[in-house]
Protein backbone atom coordinates (compact mmCIF):
# COMPACT_ATOMS: atom_id res chain seq x y z
CA MET A 1 56.34 10.19 34.07
CA SER A 2 56.28 7.21 36.53
CA VAL A 3 53.18 5.89 38.00
CA THR A 4 53.34 4.05 41.45
CA LYS A 5 52.30 0.58 42.22
CA SER A 6 49.55 1.73 44.24
CA ASN A 7 48.26 4.14 41.87
CA SER A 8 48.37 1.66 38.95
CA SER A 9 46.51 -0.82 41.10
CA SER A 10 44.01 1.81 41.67
CA MET A 11 43.40 2.95 38.07
CA LEU A 12 43.26 -0.63 36.50
CA LEU A 13 40.42 -1.31 39.39
CA LYS A 14 38.89 2.09 37.93
CA ASN A 15 39.09 0.68 34.25
CA LEU A 16 37.72 -2.69 35.23
CA VAL A 17 34.64 -1.07 36.94
CA SER A 18 34.26 1.38 33.92
CA GLU A 19 34.35 -1.50 31.68
CA ASN A 20 32.01 -3.60 33.49
CA ASN A 21 29.33 -0.37 34.02
CA PHE A 22 29.81 -0.26 29.86
CA LYS A 23 28.70 -3.88 29.59
CA LYS A 24 26.06 -3.66 31.84
CA ASP A 25 24.48 -0.55 30.78
CA ASN A 26 24.63 -2.02 27.09
CA ASN A 27 23.29 -5.42 28.46
CA ASN A 28 20.23 -3.02 29.88
CA LYS A 29 19.80 -1.04 26.52
CA ASN A 30 19.71 -4.44 24.78
CA ASN A 31 17.21 -5.86 26.94
CA LEU A 32 15.06 -2.67 26.94
CA GLY A 33 15.87 -1.15 23.72
CA LYS A 34 14.88 -3.88 21.35
CA ARG A 35 13.01 -2.47 18.15
CA VAL A 36 10.01 -3.64 17.19
CA VAL A 37 8.72 -3.68 13.67
CA VAL A 38 5.32 -4.62 11.91
CA THR A 39 5.79 -7.47 9.21
CA GLY A 40 2.09 -8.51 8.78
CA LEU A 41 -1.28 -7.24 8.29
CA GLY A 42 -5.10 -9.30 8.31
CA VAL A 43 -7.96 -7.70 8.59
CA VAL A 44 -11.78 -8.48 8.36
CA SER A 45 -14.16 -5.38 8.20
CA SER A 46 -17.35 -4.18 6.38
CA VAL A 47 -14.77 -2.27 3.97
CA GLY A 48 -12.78 -5.06 2.97
CA ILE A 49 -11.61 -8.56 3.82
CA GLY A 50 -7.94 -8.48 3.32
CA ILE A 51 -5.76 -5.36 3.31
CA LYS A 52 -5.98 -4.85 -0.22
CA ASP A 53 -9.63 -4.32 -0.34
CA PHE A 54 -9.42 -2.59 2.96
CA TRP A 55 -7.05 -0.09 1.91
CA GLN A 56 -8.76 0.99 -1.35
CA ASN A 57 -11.89 1.43 0.24
CA ILE A 58 -10.54 3.23 3.10
CA ILE A 59 -8.74 5.85 1.17
CA ASN A 60 -11.71 6.04 -1.49
CA GLY A 61 -14.10 7.09 1.45
CA VAL A 62 -16.21 3.99 0.87
CA SER A 63 -19.02 3.63 3.79
CA GLY A 64 -19.74 -0.11 5.08
CA VAL A 65 -22.56 1.18 7.20
CA SER A 66 -25.76 -0.32 6.01
CA PHE A 67 -29.40 -1.17 7.27
CA ILE A 68 -29.37 -4.28 9.61
CA ASP A 69 -30.41 -7.53 7.82
CA SER A 70 -29.42 -10.11 10.36
CA PHE A 71 -32.15 -9.56 12.82
CA ASP A 72 -35.74 -8.05 13.24
CA VAL A 73 -35.06 -4.32 14.43
CA SER A 74 -38.46 -3.07 14.42
CA LYS A 75 -38.07 -2.26 17.95
CA HIS A 76 -34.98 -0.81 18.27
CA GLU A 77 -34.23 2.98 17.95
CA SER A 78 -30.85 2.46 16.15
CA LYS A 79 -31.22 0.17 13.16
CA ILE A 80 -27.90 0.45 11.31
CA ALA A 81 -24.50 -0.85 11.47
CA ALA A 82 -21.27 -1.87 9.77
CA GLN A 83 -22.08 -5.33 9.19
CA ILE A 84 -19.60 -7.81 7.49
CA LYS A 85 -21.86 -9.37 4.82
CA ASN A 86 -19.20 -11.59 2.76
CA PHE A 87 -17.75 -13.29 5.59
CA ASN A 88 -17.41 -17.01 5.15
CA PRO A 89 -15.97 -19.10 7.84
CA SER A 90 -15.21 -21.98 5.82
CA ASP A 91 -12.97 -19.71 3.85
CA PHE A 92 -10.51 -20.13 6.65
CA MET A 93 -11.79 -23.47 8.82
CA ASP A 94 -13.38 -26.48 8.47
CA PHE A 95 -17.32 -26.55 9.61
CA LYS A 96 -16.90 -28.36 12.73
CA ALA A 97 -14.33 -25.92 14.08
CA ALA A 98 -16.39 -22.83 12.94
CA LYS A 99 -19.37 -24.53 14.56
CA ARG A 100 -17.48 -24.21 17.61
CA MET A 101 -16.32 -21.01 17.95
CA ASP A 102 -18.48 -17.66 18.42
CA ARG A 103 -18.36 -15.32 15.47
CA PHE A 104 -15.76 -13.13 17.15
CA SER A 105 -13.38 -16.07 17.32
CA GLN A 106 -14.07 -16.61 13.96
CA PHE A 107 -13.06 -13.29 13.12
CA ALA A 108 -9.75 -13.67 15.15
CA VAL A 109 -8.69 -16.49 13.48
CA ALA A 110 -9.23 -15.26 9.78
CA ALA A 111 -7.36 -12.07 10.56
CA THR A 112 -4.35 -14.23 12.31
CA LEU A 113 -4.48 -16.51 9.08
CA LEU A 114 -4.48 -13.48 6.73
CA ALA A 115 -1.66 -11.59 8.64
CA LEU A 116 0.81 -14.61 9.20
CA LYS A 117 0.23 -15.01 5.18
CA ASP A 118 0.97 -11.35 4.54
CA ALA A 119 4.12 -11.79 7.01
CA ASN A 120 5.45 -14.82 5.06
CA LEU A 121 5.77 -16.51 8.55
CA LYS A 122 5.99 -19.85 9.31
CA ILE A 123 5.46 -21.45 12.65
CA ASP A 124 6.96 -24.79 13.32
CA LYS A 125 9.40 -26.71 15.78
CA SER A 126 11.70 -24.34 15.37
CA ASN A 127 10.13 -21.16 16.31
CA GLU A 128 6.92 -22.12 18.10
CA ASN A 129 7.96 -21.10 21.50
CA GLU A 130 9.41 -17.48 20.52
CA VAL A 131 5.87 -16.61 18.78
CA GLY A 132 3.04 -15.30 21.26
CA VAL A 133 -0.51 -13.96 20.66
CA PHE A 134 -2.39 -11.31 22.24
CA ILE A 135 -5.89 -10.32 20.89
CA GLY A 136 -8.13 -8.29 22.94
CA SER A 137 -11.94 -8.05 23.08
CA GLY A 138 -14.56 -5.89 24.75
CA ILE A 139 -17.31 -7.96 24.85
CA GLY A 140 -16.42 -11.53 23.73
CA GLY A 141 -19.24 -13.90 22.39
CA LEU A 142 -22.41 -12.21 22.93
CA LEU A 143 -24.12 -13.67 19.66
CA THR A 144 -23.53 -17.11 21.41
CA LEU A 145 -24.65 -15.65 24.60
CA GLU A 146 -28.06 -14.58 23.37
CA ALA A 147 -28.60 -17.52 21.37
CA GLN A 148 -28.12 -20.29 24.17
CA HIS A 149 -29.98 -18.11 26.46
CA LYS A 150 -32.78 -18.52 24.15
CA VAL A 151 -32.35 -22.34 24.17
CA LEU A 152 -32.13 -22.30 28.10
CA LEU A 153 -35.64 -20.29 28.36
CA GLU A 154 -37.49 -22.55 25.33
CA ARG A 155 -35.90 -25.93 25.67
CA GLY A 156 -34.38 -26.42 29.11
CA ALA A 157 -31.03 -26.34 30.72
CA ASP A 158 -30.06 -29.79 29.38
CA ARG A 159 -30.16 -28.48 26.05
CA VAL A 160 -27.43 -25.77 26.68
CA SER A 161 -24.35 -26.31 24.48
CA PRO A 162 -21.66 -27.92 26.36
CA PHE A 163 -19.50 -25.17 24.38
CA LEU A 164 -21.35 -22.44 25.60
CA ILE A 165 -18.19 -21.03 27.98
CA PRO A 166 -15.60 -21.72 25.88
CA MET A 167 -17.34 -19.89 22.98
CA ILE A 168 -18.26 -16.76 24.65
CA ILE A 169 -15.00 -15.83 26.93
CA CYS A 170 -13.23 -12.99 25.65
CA ASN A 171 -9.61 -15.05 25.91
CA MET A 172 -10.74 -17.36 23.06
CA ALA A 173 -9.79 -14.92 20.35
CA SER A 174 -6.09 -15.31 21.48
CA ALA A 175 -6.63 -19.02 22.48
CA GLN A 176 -8.22 -20.07 19.14
CA ALA A 177 -5.72 -18.06 17.09
CA SER A 178 -3.07 -19.93 19.25
CA ILE A 179 -4.36 -23.20 18.38
CA PHE A 180 -4.77 -22.52 14.45
CA SER A 181 -1.26 -20.83 14.34
CA GLY A 182 0.46 -23.15 16.63
CA ALA A 183 2.24 -20.55 18.54
CA LYS A 184 3.30 -21.50 22.07
CA GLY A 185 4.92 -18.22 23.47
CA PRO A 186 3.00 -15.77 25.61
CA VAL A 187 -0.64 -16.00 25.16
CA SER A 188 -3.07 -13.62 26.98
CA THR A 189 -6.10 -11.26 26.57
CA VAL A 190 -6.83 -7.85 27.18
CA THR A 191 -10.38 -6.66 28.15
CA THR A 192 -10.24 -2.82 28.22
CA ALA A 193 -13.48 -2.24 26.19
CA CYS A 194 -12.85 0.27 22.91
CA ALA A 195 -9.44 0.39 24.00
CA ALA A 196 -8.77 -3.51 24.02
CA ALA A 197 -7.13 -4.02 20.38
CA SER A 198 -4.65 -1.13 21.22
CA ASN A 199 -3.82 -2.30 24.88
CA SER A 200 -3.13 -5.51 23.23
CA ILE A 201 -0.61 -4.48 20.37
CA GLY A 202 0.86 -1.97 23.31
CA ASP A 203 1.25 -5.13 25.61
CA ALA A 204 2.67 -7.15 22.95
CA PHE A 205 5.37 -4.26 22.01
CA GLU A 206 6.61 -4.50 25.51
CA VAL A 207 6.54 -8.07 25.53
CA ILE A 208 9.23 -8.24 22.49
CA LYS A 209 11.04 -5.38 24.11
CA ARG A 210 11.97 -7.39 27.22
CA GLY A 211 12.71 -10.30 25.26
CA ALA A 212 10.13 -12.84 26.32
CA ALA A 213 9.17 -13.26 22.63
CA LYS A 214 10.65 -12.67 19.22
CA VAL A 215 7.29 -12.28 17.29
CA MET A 216 3.78 -11.48 18.50
CA ILE A 217 0.53 -12.12 16.80
CA THR A 218 -1.56 -9.15 18.06
CA GLY A 219 -4.79 -7.29 17.67
CA GLY A 220 -8.41 -7.34 18.37
CA SER A 221 -11.64 -8.91 17.43
CA GLU A 222 -15.72 -8.04 18.04
CA ALA A 223 -18.98 -9.36 16.93
CA ALA A 224 -21.48 -7.55 19.09
CA ILE A 225 -24.08 -6.58 16.29
CA THR A 226 -26.70 -8.55 18.08
CA PRO A 227 -30.15 -7.67 19.30
CA LEU A 228 -28.85 -7.24 22.83
CA GLY A 229 -25.91 -5.50 21.60
CA MET A 230 -27.46 -3.03 19.59
CA ALA A 231 -30.28 -2.64 22.34
CA GLY A 232 -27.84 -1.76 24.98
CA PHE A 233 -25.87 0.68 23.42
CA SER A 234 -28.82 2.44 21.86
CA ASN A 235 -30.99 2.51 24.95
CA MET A 236 -27.87 4.74 26.62
CA ASN A 237 -28.16 6.71 23.79
CA ALA A 238 -24.67 6.23 22.39
CA MET A 239 -25.59 5.10 19.16
CA SER A 240 -26.81 6.92 15.88
CA LYS A 241 -30.33 7.08 14.95
CA ARG A 242 -29.82 8.30 11.19
CA ASN A 243 -31.71 5.05 10.00
CA ASN A 244 -32.60 6.68 6.77
CA GLU A 245 -29.22 7.45 5.65
CA PRO A 246 -27.26 4.70 7.06
CA GLN A 247 -23.82 5.62 5.05
CA LYS A 248 -23.80 9.29 6.32
CA ALA A 249 -24.91 8.23 9.97
CA SER A 250 -20.96 7.99 11.08
CA ARG A 251 -19.79 11.61 10.93
CA PRO A 252 -16.92 12.39 13.53
CA PHE A 253 -16.27 16.01 14.35
CA ASP A 254 -19.25 17.23 12.52
CA ILE A 255 -21.77 19.32 13.89
CA ASP A 256 -24.66 17.02 13.01
CA ARG A 257 -23.37 13.79 14.79
CA ASP A 258 -25.53 11.94 16.85
CA GLY A 259 -23.77 8.76 18.00
CA PHE A 260 -21.53 6.12 16.77
CA VAL A 261 -22.44 3.43 14.41
CA MET A 262 -21.47 -0.23 15.52
CA GLY A 263 -19.20 -2.23 13.53
CA GLU A 264 -17.38 -5.59 13.93
CA GLY A 265 -14.58 -7.39 12.58
CA ALA A 266 -11.01 -8.10 13.66
CA GLY A 267 -7.61 -6.90 12.72
CA VAL A 268 -4.26 -8.73 13.43
CA LEU A 269 -0.57 -7.23 13.23
CA ILE A 270 2.46 -9.54 13.02
CA ILE A 271 5.05 -7.56 15.09
CA GLU A 272 8.61 -8.93 15.39
CA GLU A 273 11.78 -8.00 17.12
CA LEU A 274 13.89 -6.27 14.18
CA GLY A 275 16.82 -8.38 14.16
CA TYR A 276 14.57 -11.59 13.90
CA ALA A 277 12.45 -10.21 10.75
CA ILE A 278 15.96 -8.99 9.24
CA SER A 279 17.20 -12.47 9.69
CA ARG A 280 14.32 -14.32 7.83
CA GLY A 281 14.04 -11.50 5.44
CA ALA A 282 10.57 -10.17 6.22
CA ASN A 283 8.74 -7.46 4.53
CA ILE A 284 8.55 -4.51 7.03
CA TYR A 285 5.75 -2.06 6.98
CA ALA A 286 6.76 0.43 10.05
CA GLU A 287 8.22 0.45 13.39
CA ILE A 288 6.63 0.90 16.56
CA PHE A 289 7.78 3.49 18.55
CA GLY A 290 5.91 4.11 21.47
CA TYR A 291 2.88 3.22 23.50
CA GLY A 292 1.28 5.56 26.09
CA MET A 293 -1.54 4.89 28.81
CA SER A 294 -3.67 6.91 30.92
CA GLY A 295 -6.39 6.57 33.20
CA GLU A 296 -9.36 8.82 33.78
CA ALA A 297 -10.84 7.87 37.08
CA TYR A 298 -13.65 9.87 36.44
CA HIS A 299 -16.84 8.32 34.75
CA MET A 300 -18.07 4.57 33.72
CA THR A 301 -18.39 5.94 30.05
CA ALA A 302 -17.41 9.44 29.90
CA LEU A 303 -14.06 11.32 29.31
CA GLU A 304 -13.04 14.06 31.58
CA GLU A 305 -13.88 17.19 29.98
CA SER A 306 -10.56 19.04 30.27
CA GLY A 307 -8.94 16.29 28.04
CA GLU A 308 -5.89 16.24 30.06
CA ASN A 309 -5.65 12.87 30.71
CA VAL A 310 -5.53 12.23 26.87
CA VAL A 311 -2.76 14.61 26.84
CA ARG A 312 -0.95 12.85 29.18
CA CYS A 313 -1.76 9.64 27.30
CA ILE A 314 -0.16 10.92 24.13
CA ASN A 315 2.70 12.42 25.83
CA ASN A 316 3.69 9.35 27.27
CA CYS A 317 3.67 7.62 23.92
CA LEU A 318 6.11 10.60 22.42
CA LYS A 319 8.25 10.31 25.37
CA GLU A 320 8.90 6.34 25.32
CA GLY A 321 9.77 6.97 21.48
CA ASN A 322 11.76 10.10 21.99
CA VAL A 323 9.55 12.12 19.30
CA GLU A 324 8.92 15.46 19.21
CA HIS A 325 5.18 16.85 18.62
CA SER A 326 6.48 18.44 15.78
CA GLU A 327 7.48 15.21 14.03
CA ILE A 328 4.02 13.60 13.99
CA ASP A 329 2.33 13.86 10.39
CA TYR A 330 -0.68 11.97 10.98
CA LEU A 331 -3.07 10.92 14.05
CA ASN A 332 -5.50 8.39 13.84
CA ALA A 333 -8.35 9.64 16.19
CA HIS A 334 -10.49 7.40 18.20
CA GLY A 335 -13.17 9.97 16.55
CA THR A 336 -16.41 7.81 17.46
CA SER A 337 -18.85 10.64 16.12
CA THR A 338 -20.49 10.83 19.70
CA PRO A 339 -20.77 14.65 20.93
CA LEU A 340 -18.90 14.26 24.01
CA ASN A 341 -15.80 12.18 22.87
CA ASP A 342 -15.16 14.27 19.80
CA ILE A 343 -14.88 17.35 21.56
CA VAL A 344 -12.86 16.29 24.38
CA GLU A 345 -10.45 14.46 21.66
CA SER A 346 -10.08 17.50 19.74
CA ILE A 347 -9.60 19.60 22.88
CA ALA A 348 -6.70 17.50 24.15
CA ILE A 349 -5.19 17.34 20.61
CA ARG A 350 -4.83 20.78 20.60
CA LYS A 351 -3.79 21.16 23.82
CA CYS A 352 -1.11 18.30 23.38
CA PHE A 353 0.52 19.85 20.03
CA GLY A 354 -0.09 23.63 20.80
CA GLU A 355 0.40 25.77 17.64
CA TYR A 356 1.37 22.64 15.68
CA ALA A 357 -1.98 21.31 15.95
CA GLY A 358 -3.02 23.05 12.81
CA LYS A 359 -0.71 21.49 10.74
CA LEU A 360 -1.29 18.07 11.86
CA ASN A 361 -3.56 15.78 9.80
CA VAL A 362 -6.13 14.07 11.85
CA SER A 363 -8.87 11.76 10.69
CA SER A 364 -11.45 9.08 11.84
CA THR A 365 -11.52 5.82 10.08
CA LYS A 366 -14.64 4.87 12.28
CA SER A 367 -16.53 7.21 9.58
CA MET A 368 -16.27 4.47 7.14
CA HIS A 369 -15.80 1.04 9.10
CA GLY A 370 -17.72 2.15 12.05
CA HIS A 371 -16.83 1.61 15.84
CA CYS A 372 -15.92 -1.92 16.25
CA LEU A 373 -15.35 -1.85 19.94
CA GLY A 374 -12.78 -4.10 20.97
CA ALA A 375 -11.36 -4.93 17.66
CA ALA A 376 -11.29 -0.46 16.73
CA GLY A 377 -7.73 -0.07 18.03
CA ALA A 378 -6.40 -2.71 16.04
CA ILE A 379 -8.14 -2.12 12.36
CA GLU A 380 -7.26 1.72 13.11
CA ALA A 381 -3.74 0.66 13.61
CA ILE A 382 -3.83 -1.19 10.39
CA ALA A 383 -5.30 2.24 8.67
CA THR A 384 -2.19 4.03 10.13
CA ILE A 385 0.06 1.73 9.32
CA LEU A 386 -0.88 1.30 5.77
CA ALA A 387 -0.90 5.37 5.60
CA ILE A 388 2.80 5.26 6.43
CA LYS A 389 3.61 2.80 4.04
CA ASN A 390 1.73 4.66 1.25
CA ASP A 391 2.09 7.93 2.33
CA GLN A 392 -1.60 8.49 2.09
CA ILE A 393 -3.90 9.92 4.67
CA PRO A 394 -7.18 8.52 4.98
CA PRO A 395 -10.40 10.96 5.15
CA THR A 396 -12.96 11.44 7.68
CA ILE A 397 -15.90 11.16 5.61
CA ASN A 398 -19.52 12.87 5.97
CA LEU A 399 -17.83 15.70 7.73
CA GLU A 400 -19.91 18.49 6.06
CA LYS A 401 -20.43 20.97 8.70
CA PRO A 402 -17.06 20.90 11.08
CA ASP A 403 -18.14 21.47 14.88
CA PRO A 404 -16.80 24.51 16.00
CA GLN A 405 -16.11 23.22 19.43
CA CYS A 406 -13.91 20.36 17.84
CA GLY A 407 -11.16 23.61 17.59
CA GLN A 408 -10.68 24.07 13.81
CA LEU A 409 -8.40 20.84 13.41
CA ASN A 410 -7.51 19.62 10.11
CA PHE A 411 -9.58 16.51 10.15
CA THR A 412 -8.98 15.51 6.59
CA PRO A 413 -12.10 16.04 5.06
CA ASN A 414 -14.00 13.61 2.95
CA LYS A 415 -10.95 12.98 0.51
CA SER A 416 -7.60 11.35 1.35
CA VAL A 417 -4.50 13.43 1.16
CA LYS A 418 -0.94 12.32 -0.25
CA LYS A 419 1.30 13.64 2.15
CA THR A 420 5.11 11.98 3.36
CA ILE A 421 4.13 10.24 6.74
CA ASN A 422 7.22 9.55 8.44
CA PHE A 423 5.42 9.59 12.18
CA ALA A 424 1.93 8.85 13.21
CA LEU A 425 -0.21 7.88 16.25
CA SER A 426 -3.34 6.00 16.69
CA ASN A 427 -5.38 6.83 19.76
CA SER A 428 -8.24 4.41 21.62
CA MET A 429 -10.55 5.08 24.67
CA GLY A 430 -12.61 2.63 26.17
CA PHE A 431 -15.18 2.72 28.90
CA GLY A 432 -14.26 3.08 32.53
CA GLY A 433 -11.46 5.35 31.59
CA HIS A 434 -8.97 3.35 29.51
CA ASN A 435 -6.81 5.90 27.34
CA VAL A 436 -4.01 4.47 24.72
CA THR A 437 -1.93 6.08 22.14
CA LEU A 438 0.27 3.74 19.98
CA GLY A 439 3.15 5.42 18.09
CA PHE A 440 4.21 4.31 14.69
CA LYS A 441 6.97 5.40 12.04
CA LYS A 442 8.71 4.74 8.76
CA PHE A 443 10.98 2.03 9.05
CA PHE A 444 14.85 3.01 8.45
CA GLU A 445 17.87 0.59 9.30
């Protein structure tokens, strides 16, 4: 069969256009579809500094909550918190540097250095511009602010520290982590209350996906166990007053819960573009598959009671990763131990997962390490990633009488459970209506 010259030219042009479109589509997929993996973990918490102690205490159901001994709580209604009692800044930095940082920045630097060591990642001239830092905080340097306000009142304005402002601003966690690590890629801070760390991880994930960095140091840090911090949360009736039983006070989804227990600390993840991680022989804990967000547009501190906004957030995460609801093996809940949050999140999980919800393991590790506010999402992401790596689900401790309003879900009460975990989610919700869901999965090449 013969082909005329005009037909031949037309077919050639069509083939060229198709080939160019194919290349364009592939380029778009390469730019938008970069795989992102977790290669290092660093944690500073009331249940452990470093992932070994943290994980062992989490799976053994150890509570980090105790009576506050760092300041006078005689006039505070809530007198308990998940304090970090064995943190020594000199293990991570010299005295001069530590004195110029608020406690929340010290935590961030410590967790960053632990994560970099865990990832066996060296930052030098060859890669410094390709490594970024996104570490969130909800409140920032509250301890320094209170101390320097006292100086102002008692000793005068001229005695206020010249380091006051750079010690209290929230971005200093990321800034100090960048300075100490040498990372010169994108550096930023998210401040979305108790969702700050999860937003930071999600935003860092997107930065790598779009090719703006090969590696991100990401997570959250908080140190708000201070007289003012405790008074503020306690006086809005958000905190537990079970002062006579500190270790039993944080009890998510239990009918006798009476509020959250404040925690402090930092969690930092090293996340990398897959090709870069493989090229340097990195150990891979898990892969990030999705990042979902939604807004409540409802109330300063409360979730809208239908749970629909949380459902949308979870679904957005699953959609990005093309993951089915029935593939999720574990969900690390926001689970604050406050009356309304636990009910609404439970309603949302039931609505989102339907009949499968009863087969899904859910737990709140806040029952052990407390609610670490702007650091919560990172510490809980680390627990979720370690659950995937070890095929073991952390428990919700102190769950003695499940609240019927929480929908009879499997909250993994009191004891950890061995189970193959291929896909897992971690939920975070912040004052102002910030919802975040992060999706992690086992890594397969």
